Protein backbone atom coordinates (compact mmCIF):
# COMPACT_ATOMS: atom_id res chain seq x y z
CA UNK A 1 6.75 164.08 109.08
CA UNK A 2 5.41 160.96 107.33
CA UNK A 3 8.87 159.30 107.45
CA UNK A 4 9.22 160.05 110.93
CA UNK A 5 5.99 158.56 111.86
CA UNK A 6 6.76 155.19 110.06
CA UNK A 7 10.18 155.00 111.73
CA UNK A 8 8.25 155.76 115.24
CA UNK A 9 5.63 153.00 114.57
CA UNK A 10 5.01 150.89 117.82
CA UNK A 11 5.66 147.35 116.59
CA UNK A 12 3.22 146.03 119.27
CA UNK A 13 0.28 147.93 118.19
CA UNK A 14 -1.86 146.58 115.08
CA UNK A 15 -3.42 149.99 114.54
CA UNK A 16 -0.02 151.56 114.64
CA UNK A 17 1.37 148.93 112.20
CA UNK A 18 -1.51 149.66 109.92
CA UNK A 19 -0.96 153.66 110.00
CA UNK A 20 2.69 152.66 108.90
CA UNK A 21 1.56 150.61 106.20
CA UNK A 22 -0.82 153.28 105.06
CA UNK A 23 1.99 155.78 105.14
CA UNK A 24 4.49 153.87 103.31
CA UNK A 25 1.53 153.57 100.41
CA UNK A 26 1.57 157.53 100.36
CA UNK A 27 4.91 157.46 100.12
CA UNK A 28 5.14 155.20 97.35
CA UNK A 29 2.84 157.44 95.59
CA UNK A 30 4.78 160.71 96.33
CA UNK A 31 8.26 158.89 95.42
CA UNK A 32 6.86 158.11 92.03
CA UNK A 33 6.50 161.87 91.19
CA UNK A 34 9.42 163.20 93.46
CA UNK A 35 11.84 160.03 94.43
CA UNK A 36 14.67 163.05 95.42
CA UNK A 37 12.23 165.06 97.88
CA UNK A 38 11.17 161.52 99.67
CA UNK A 39 14.76 160.59 99.88
CA UNK A 40 15.62 163.77 101.30
CA UNK A 41 13.05 163.51 103.77
CA UNK A 42 14.00 160.22 104.91
CA UNK A 43 11.62 157.85 103.00
CA UNK A 44 14.61 155.62 102.38
CA UNK A 45 15.10 154.95 105.89
CA UNK A 46 11.54 154.71 106.33
CA UNK A 47 11.37 152.02 103.86
CA UNK A 48 14.15 150.15 105.14
CA UNK A 49 12.78 150.23 108.75
CA UNK A 50 9.67 148.58 107.34
CA UNK A 51 12.04 145.71 106.11
CA UNK A 52 14.27 145.77 109.44
CA UNK A 53 11.16 144.68 111.28
CA UNK A 54 9.99 142.14 108.48
CA UNK A 55 8.47 139.82 111.23
CA UNK A 56 5.65 142.65 112.28
CA UNK A 57 4.61 143.60 108.65
CA UNK A 58 2.57 141.45 105.90
CA UNK A 59 4.70 140.31 102.81
CA UNK A 60 3.28 142.73 100.37
CA UNK A 61 4.13 145.62 102.58
CA UNK A 62 7.89 144.20 102.83
CA UNK A 63 7.70 143.94 99.18
CA UNK A 64 6.22 147.59 98.71
CA UNK A 65 9.12 148.96 101.13
CA UNK A 66 11.87 146.83 99.49
CA UNK A 67 10.87 147.93 96.04
CA UNK A 68 10.42 151.55 97.06
CA UNK A 69 13.88 151.44 98.72
CA UNK A 70 15.55 150.15 95.49
CA UNK A 71 14.15 153.13 93.73
CA UNK A 72 14.88 156.00 96.37
CA UNK A 73 18.48 154.56 96.46
CA UNK A 74 19.11 156.12 93.06
CA UNK A 75 18.51 159.74 94.85
CA UNK A 76 20.76 159.16 97.56
CA UNK A 77 24.01 161.85 97.54
CA UNK A 78 27.11 161.46 99.40
CA UNK A 79 26.16 164.56 101.44
CA UNK A 80 22.61 163.26 102.41
CA UNK A 81 22.04 163.81 106.09
CA UNK A 82 20.16 160.27 106.21
CA UNK A 83 23.22 158.69 104.83
CA UNK A 84 24.88 156.86 107.93
CA UNK A 85 21.49 155.91 109.12
CA UNK A 86 20.71 154.22 105.92
CA UNK A 87 24.00 152.71 105.77
CA UNK A 88 23.79 151.32 109.39
CA UNK A 89 20.61 149.82 108.74
CA UNK A 90 21.67 148.00 105.24
CA UNK A 91 24.62 146.52 107.16
CA UNK A 92 22.12 145.30 109.84
CA UNK A 93 19.94 143.61 107.13
CA UNK A 94 22.86 142.15 105.40
CA UNK A 95 24.25 140.72 108.69
CA UNK A 96 20.85 139.01 109.47
CA UNK A 97 20.65 135.51 110.07
CA UNK A 98 17.47 134.95 107.98
CA UNK A 99 18.06 134.21 104.61
CA UNK A 100 14.59 135.37 103.49
CA UNK A 101 15.63 139.15 104.90
CA UNK A 102 18.82 139.23 103.11
């Protein structure tokens, strides 16, 4: 549920972005204990979603999301139901025109 909420954040609402940042912190704590469970719940996609909309979040939140994504990627399996979504977001990030994002 937490991962889904991060992905559904209203980027135009400061309160909604604040909620996404708090959810990311909670996911990071959970990921430290059980990275596989967070990955299966869509945590990697949630982190990449925040990075994807980098202009809407603080740089420390982006660093946290990127760091967490790099640790969660180790738990992705070929049969992961979120794999196609994750690959799509990664490809969009790699094609981004802003070098700071890539």
